[in-house]
Amino acid sequence: MIEIDRPEVVAEVRAVFETYETALVGNDVETLDALFFDAPTTIRYGGGENLYGYGEIAAFRAARPSVGLARRIDRTVITTYGTDLAVASTLFFRDAAPGKVGRQMQTWLRTDAGWKVVAAHVSLIADPDASSTPASSAAPPQQERIEIVVVGAHLSGMALNGELAGRGGRFEREAQTTADYRLYALAGGPPARPGLVRVADGTGAAVATEVWSLPLDGFARFVAAIPAPLGLATVRLADGTAPKGFICETEGLAGARDITGFGGWRAYVSA
């Protein structure tokens, strides 16, 4: 019979789980990569991406912005099966996602190189316990904010990101568009900029984006400064949401290069 929760094995897995958590909030990419099993069979499902194989997971880690990673974890459960297999489950909360609760599950396998994650799943839902918060402890009302999808020079760490931050911008999440878009490297600059174009169903691909939010006054000032051929329109995201975001007019594609195959602007400029 398989022995469940052998104390010394639980202690081992809890230690590597805590190492993972520290690396995650500190964006220690090297440690995070080392804790995943280097194999094409390793899978990670995230809030806006489905990653198959160690290579895709490592590429995602390398491109992910380093902001908005701090979180609080709760109800962590480590369950071990025998001496070489374990499942780590936890809830997490981020200040940037009020009223939401994240769920994370990891399958850990003991290998010759130590414990490694061989499968992981992360999701975010409305917190079912949020409505039970006593009124006296509820957070004060916050200023209304509007989400905006960015795909290029306004991404975290890119040349124009300060235009968001300077207007009260806050990073919310990474997301992929639905497979109805194409991405182009526009002529001109500096700075170099992409253009996202909506196309007919079946002729596009998913494109990596970031979702930021702005207070109402900051949003108005930001939109007023957007130069042609770029503008704002509804952008359909794979997570089911449809915020406003950057879209390029077709007239702006003269001399542009189709870079959809790179999957996103960050991957293109890093190539």
Protein backbone atom coordinates (compact mmCIF):
# COMPACT_ATOMS: atom_id res chain seq x y z
CA MET A 1 0.00 0.00 0.00
CA ILE A 2 1.20 3.55 -0.79
CA GLU A 3 2.07 5.47 2.33
CA ILE A 4 0.46 8.91 2.28
CA ASP A 5 2.04 11.92 4.01
CA ARG A 6 5.17 10.31 5.36
CA PRO A 7 6.43 13.12 7.64
CA GLU A 8 10.01 13.35 6.37
CA VAL A 9 8.84 13.39 2.74
CA VAL A 10 6.26 16.09 3.48
CA ALA A 11 9.03 18.16 5.06
CA GLU A 12 11.21 17.80 1.97
CA VAL A 13 8.46 18.90 -0.40
CA ARG A 14 7.40 21.78 1.83
CA ALA A 15 10.99 23.04 1.77
CA VAL A 16 11.20 23.05 -2.03
CA PHE A 17 7.70 24.57 -2.26
CA GLU A 18 8.85 27.44 -0.02
CA THR A 19 11.95 27.87 -2.17
CA TYR A 20 9.68 28.10 -5.22
CA GLU A 21 7.42 30.67 -3.54
CA THR A 22 10.38 32.89 -2.59
CA ALA A 23 11.74 32.68 -6.14
CA LEU A 24 8.33 33.46 -7.64
CA VAL A 25 7.66 36.70 -5.77
CA GLY A 26 11.30 37.76 -6.27
CA ASN A 27 11.25 36.89 -10.00
CA ASP A 28 14.29 34.62 -9.54
CA VAL A 29 13.96 33.08 -13.00
CA GLU A 30 17.05 30.89 -12.65
CA THR A 31 15.68 29.17 -9.54
CA LEU A 32 12.19 28.84 -11.02
CA ASP A 33 13.61 27.19 -14.12
CA ALA A 34 15.71 24.83 -12.00
CA LEU A 35 12.64 23.67 -10.05
CA PHE A 36 10.75 22.56 -13.17
CA PHE A 37 11.52 19.17 -14.71
CA ASP A 38 13.45 19.68 -17.95
CA ALA A 39 11.38 17.51 -20.26
CA PRO A 40 8.90 17.94 -23.13
CA THR A 41 6.27 16.23 -20.96
CA THR A 42 6.23 19.02 -18.35
CA ILE A 43 3.03 21.09 -18.61
CA ARG A 44 1.93 24.38 -17.04
CA TYR A 45 -1.55 25.83 -17.48
CA GLY A 46 -1.69 29.49 -16.44
CA GLY A 47 -4.31 32.20 -16.22
CA GLY A 48 -3.74 33.23 -19.83
CA GLU A 49 -1.43 30.66 -21.36
CA ASN A 50 -1.09 26.91 -21.94
CA LEU A 51 2.55 25.83 -21.92
CA TYR A 52 3.69 22.45 -23.18
CA GLY A 53 7.25 21.36 -22.48
CA TYR A 54 10.07 22.83 -20.42
CA GLY A 55 11.15 25.11 -23.28
CA GLU A 56 7.81 26.94 -23.49
CA ILE A 57 7.68 27.32 -19.71
CA ALA A 58 11.23 28.74 -19.56
CA ALA A 59 10.46 31.18 -22.39
CA PHE A 60 7.35 32.37 -20.55
CA ARG A 61 9.35 32.94 -17.38
CA ALA A 62 12.01 34.92 -19.24
CA ALA A 63 9.46 37.22 -20.90
CA ARG A 64 7.14 37.75 -17.94
CA PRO A 65 7.26 41.26 -16.44
CA SER A 66 8.77 41.52 -12.97
CA VAL A 67 5.97 43.73 -11.57
CA GLY A 68 2.87 42.63 -9.71
CA LEU A 69 4.28 39.31 -8.47
CA ALA A 70 3.90 39.86 -4.72
CA ARG A 71 1.18 37.72 -3.21
CA ARG A 72 -0.12 36.20 0.01
CA ILE A 73 -0.69 32.45 0.18
CA ASP A 74 -3.24 30.61 2.30
CA ARG A 75 -4.43 27.05 3.00
CA THR A 76 -1.34 25.43 1.54
CA VAL A 77 -1.66 21.62 1.50
CA ILE A 78 1.26 19.28 0.79
CA THR A 79 0.24 15.68 0.12
CA THR A 80 2.85 13.01 -0.57
CA TYR A 81 2.33 9.56 -2.08
CA GLY A 82 5.10 7.17 -1.20
CA THR A 83 8.56 8.72 -1.25
CA ASP A 84 8.80 10.13 -4.79
CA LEU A 85 5.50 11.86 -5.67
CA ALA A 86 3.68 14.82 -4.15
CA VAL A 87 0.99 17.41 -4.84
CA ALA A 88 1.23 20.98 -3.49
CA SER A 89 -1.97 23.07 -3.46
CA THR A 90 -2.38 26.65 -2.30
CA LEU A 91 -4.63 29.68 -2.54
CA PHE A 92 -3.10 33.10 -3.19
CA PHE A 93 -4.18 36.73 -3.13
CA ARG A 94 -2.75 39.81 -4.85
CA ASP A 95 -3.50 43.44 -4.01
CA ALA A 96 -3.83 44.14 -7.74
CA ALA A 97 -6.77 41.72 -7.92
CA PRO A 98 -9.19 42.68 -5.13
CA GLY A 99 -12.09 40.29 -4.69
CA LYS A 100 -10.20 37.52 -6.52
CA VAL A 101 -8.56 34.35 -5.25
CA GLY A 102 -5.91 32.40 -7.12
CA ARG A 103 -5.60 28.61 -7.04
CA GLN A 104 -2.30 26.85 -7.71
CA MET A 105 -1.62 23.12 -7.89
CA GLN A 106 1.75 21.51 -8.61
CA THR A 107 2.74 17.89 -9.05
CA TRP A 108 6.27 17.27 -7.73
CA LEU A 109 8.43 14.28 -8.65
CA ARG A 110 11.65 13.17 -6.96
CA THR A 111 14.34 12.90 -9.65
CA ASP A 112 18.07 12.23 -9.62
CA ALA A 113 18.49 16.04 -9.44
CA GLY A 114 16.01 16.48 -6.56
CA TRP A 115 12.33 17.39 -6.41
CA LYS A 116 10.98 18.92 -9.65
CA VAL A 117 7.57 20.22 -10.82
CA VAL A 118 6.24 18.02 -13.63
CA ALA A 119 2.78 19.61 -13.92
CA ALA A 120 1.25 22.88 -12.70
CA HIS A 121 -2.06 24.70 -12.99
CA VAL A 122 -2.82 28.29 -11.96
CA SER A 123 -6.22 30.01 -12.16
CA LEU A 124 -7.98 33.08 -10.78
CA ILE A 125 -11.65 33.28 -9.76
CA ALA A 126 -13.93 35.56 -7.80
CA ASP A 127 -13.28 35.01 -4.11
CA PRO A 128 -16.32 33.12 -2.78
CA ASP A 129 -15.47 34.28 0.75
CA ALA A 130 -15.19 37.98 -0.11
CA SER A 131 -18.87 38.66 0.58
CA SER A 132 -18.47 37.36 4.12
CA THR A 133 -15.93 40.07 5.03
CA PRO A 134 -17.35 42.18 7.89
CA ALA A 135 -18.27 45.70 6.81
CA SER A 136 -16.00 47.19 9.48
CA SER A 137 -12.94 45.55 7.93
CA ALA A 138 -13.81 46.19 4.28
CA ALA A 139 -11.33 48.23 2.29
CA PRO A 140 -12.33 51.82 1.50
CA PRO A 141 -13.85 52.38 -1.96
CA GLN A 142 -11.25 52.84 -4.68
CA GLN A 143 -11.35 55.20 -7.63
CA GLU A 144 -12.91 53.63 -10.70
CA ARG A 145 -10.34 52.27 -13.12
CA ILE A 146 -10.50 51.26 -16.78
CA GLU A 147 -8.55 48.33 -18.19
CA ILE A 148 -6.45 48.78 -21.33
CA VAL A 149 -4.67 46.14 -23.40
CA VAL A 150 -1.13 46.97 -24.54
CA VAL A 151 0.91 44.96 -27.03
CA GLY A 152 4.15 46.81 -27.74
CA ALA A 153 6.18 49.78 -26.57
CA HIS A 154 3.90 50.23 -23.51
CA LEU A 155 4.65 46.74 -22.15
CA SER A 156 6.46 46.47 -18.82
CA GLY A 157 10.08 47.52 -19.25
CA MET A 158 9.53 48.87 -22.77
CA ALA A 159 10.27 52.38 -24.04
CA LEU A 160 6.82 53.93 -23.53
CA ASN A 161 5.73 52.13 -20.35
CA GLY A 162 6.33 55.35 -18.41
CA GLU A 163 3.34 56.90 -20.19
CA LEU A 164 1.14 54.41 -18.33
CA ALA A 165 2.95 54.62 -14.99
CA GLY A 166 2.94 58.42 -15.10
CA ARG A 167 -0.85 58.47 -15.42
CA GLY A 168 -1.51 56.12 -12.51
CA GLY A 169 -1.25 52.91 -14.53
CA ARG A 170 -1.27 49.60 -12.70
CA PHE A 171 -0.27 46.22 -14.12
CA GLU A 172 -3.16 43.77 -13.84
CA ARG A 173 -2.27 40.58 -15.72
CA GLU A 174 -0.78 38.98 -18.79
CA ALA A 175 -3.21 37.67 -21.38
CA GLN A 176 -3.38 36.25 -24.87
CA THR A 177 -5.76 37.57 -27.50
CA THR A 178 -8.15 35.20 -29.16
CA ALA A 179 -6.80 33.74 -32.41
CA ASP A 180 -8.31 36.53 -34.52
CA TYR A 181 -5.40 38.97 -34.72
CA ARG A 182 -2.16 39.62 -36.56
CA LEU A 183 0.78 41.65 -35.28
CA TYR A 184 2.98 43.88 -37.42
CA ALA A 185 6.23 45.75 -36.84
CA LEU A 186 5.36 49.22 -38.11
CA ALA A 187 7.66 51.35 -40.20
CA GLY A 188 9.15 54.45 -38.60
CA GLY A 189 10.28 55.27 -35.10
CA PRO A 190 11.95 55.58 -32.74
CA PRO A 191 10.62 54.03 -30.70
CA ALA A 192 9.86 50.89 -32.68
CA ARG A 193 6.18 50.04 -32.38
CA PRO A 194 3.87 47.19 -33.37
CA GLY A 195 0.37 47.34 -34.75
CA LEU A 196 -2.32 44.83 -33.76
CA VAL A 197 -4.93 44.17 -36.46
CA ARG A 198 -8.19 42.23 -36.10
CA VAL A 199 -8.64 39.75 -38.95
CA ALA A 200 -11.25 37.25 -40.08
CA ASP A 201 -11.79 34.17 -37.97
CA GLY A 202 -9.29 31.45 -38.81
CA THR A 203 -6.74 33.79 -40.39
CA GLY A 204 -5.08 35.08 -37.23
CA ALA A 205 -3.31 33.84 -34.12
CA ALA A 206 -3.15 34.51 -30.40
CA VAL A 207 -0.89 37.44 -29.50
CA ALA A 208 0.72 38.05 -26.11
CA THR A 209 -0.48 41.22 -24.34
CA GLU A 210 -0.49 42.89 -20.95
CA VAL A 211 -3.60 44.30 -19.33
CA TRP A 212 -3.09 47.51 -17.35
CA SER A 213 -5.64 49.72 -15.65
CA LEU A 214 -5.83 53.49 -15.39
CA PRO A 215 -7.94 55.82 -13.24
CA LEU A 216 -10.59 57.66 -15.23
CA ASP A 217 -8.66 60.92 -15.50
CA GLY A 218 -5.43 59.10 -16.38
CA PHE A 219 -7.23 57.06 -19.04
CA ALA A 220 -8.60 60.21 -20.68
CA ARG A 221 -5.15 61.83 -20.78
CA PHE A 222 -3.55 58.64 -22.09
CA VAL A 223 -6.06 58.16 -24.90
CA ALA A 224 -5.78 61.80 -25.99
CA ALA A 225 -2.05 61.30 -26.63
CA ILE A 226 -2.32 58.19 -28.86
CA PRO A 227 -0.93 59.02 -32.31
CA ALA A 228 -2.23 57.71 -35.64
CA PRO A 229 -2.28 55.07 -37.08
CA LEU A 230 -2.93 53.60 -33.62
CA GLY A 231 -6.21 53.87 -31.78
CA LEU A 232 -8.39 52.09 -29.23
CA ALA A 233 -10.97 49.39 -29.86
CA THR A 234 -12.36 46.36 -28.08
CA VAL A 235 -9.75 43.57 -27.92
CA ARG A 236 -11.00 40.03 -27.36
CA LEU A 237 -8.85 38.08 -24.93
CA ALA A 238 -8.55 34.34 -24.43
CA ASP A 239 -9.59 34.68 -20.77
CA GLY A 240 -13.06 35.76 -21.92
CA THR A 241 -12.68 39.47 -21.20
CA ALA A 242 -12.82 42.23 -23.82
CA PRO A 243 -11.15 45.43 -22.59
CA LYS A 244 -10.25 48.37 -24.77
CA GLY A 245 -6.81 48.14 -26.31
CA PHE A 246 -4.41 49.27 -29.00
CA ILE A 247 -5.47 48.53 -32.57
CA CYS A 248 -3.78 49.69 -35.77
CA GLU A 249 -5.56 51.18 -38.78
CA THR A 250 -4.92 49.23 -41.98
CA GLU A 251 -3.52 52.41 -43.60
CA GLY A 252 -0.67 52.22 -41.12
CA LEU A 253 0.58 48.87 -42.43
CA ALA A 254 2.46 50.31 -45.41
CA GLY A 255 6.04 49.05 -45.11
CA ALA A 256 5.17 46.98 -42.02
CA ARG A 257 6.43 43.45 -41.36
CA ASP A 258 4.07 40.67 -40.26
CA ILE A 259 5.58 39.34 -37.01
CA THR A 260 2.60 37.31 -35.83
CA GLY A 261 4.72 34.16 -35.86
CA PHE A 262 6.79 35.45 -32.94
CA GLY A 263 3.70 35.34 -30.69
CA GLY A 264 4.17 38.85 -29.33
CA TRP A 265 6.23 42.04 -29.41
CA ARG A 266 8.53 41.09 -26.52
CA ALA A 267 9.51 37.85 -28.22
CA TYR A 268 10.10 39.71 -31.50
CA VAL A 269 12.42 42.35 -30.07
CA SER A 270 14.30 39.67 -28.10
CA ALA A 271 14.89 37.51 -31.20
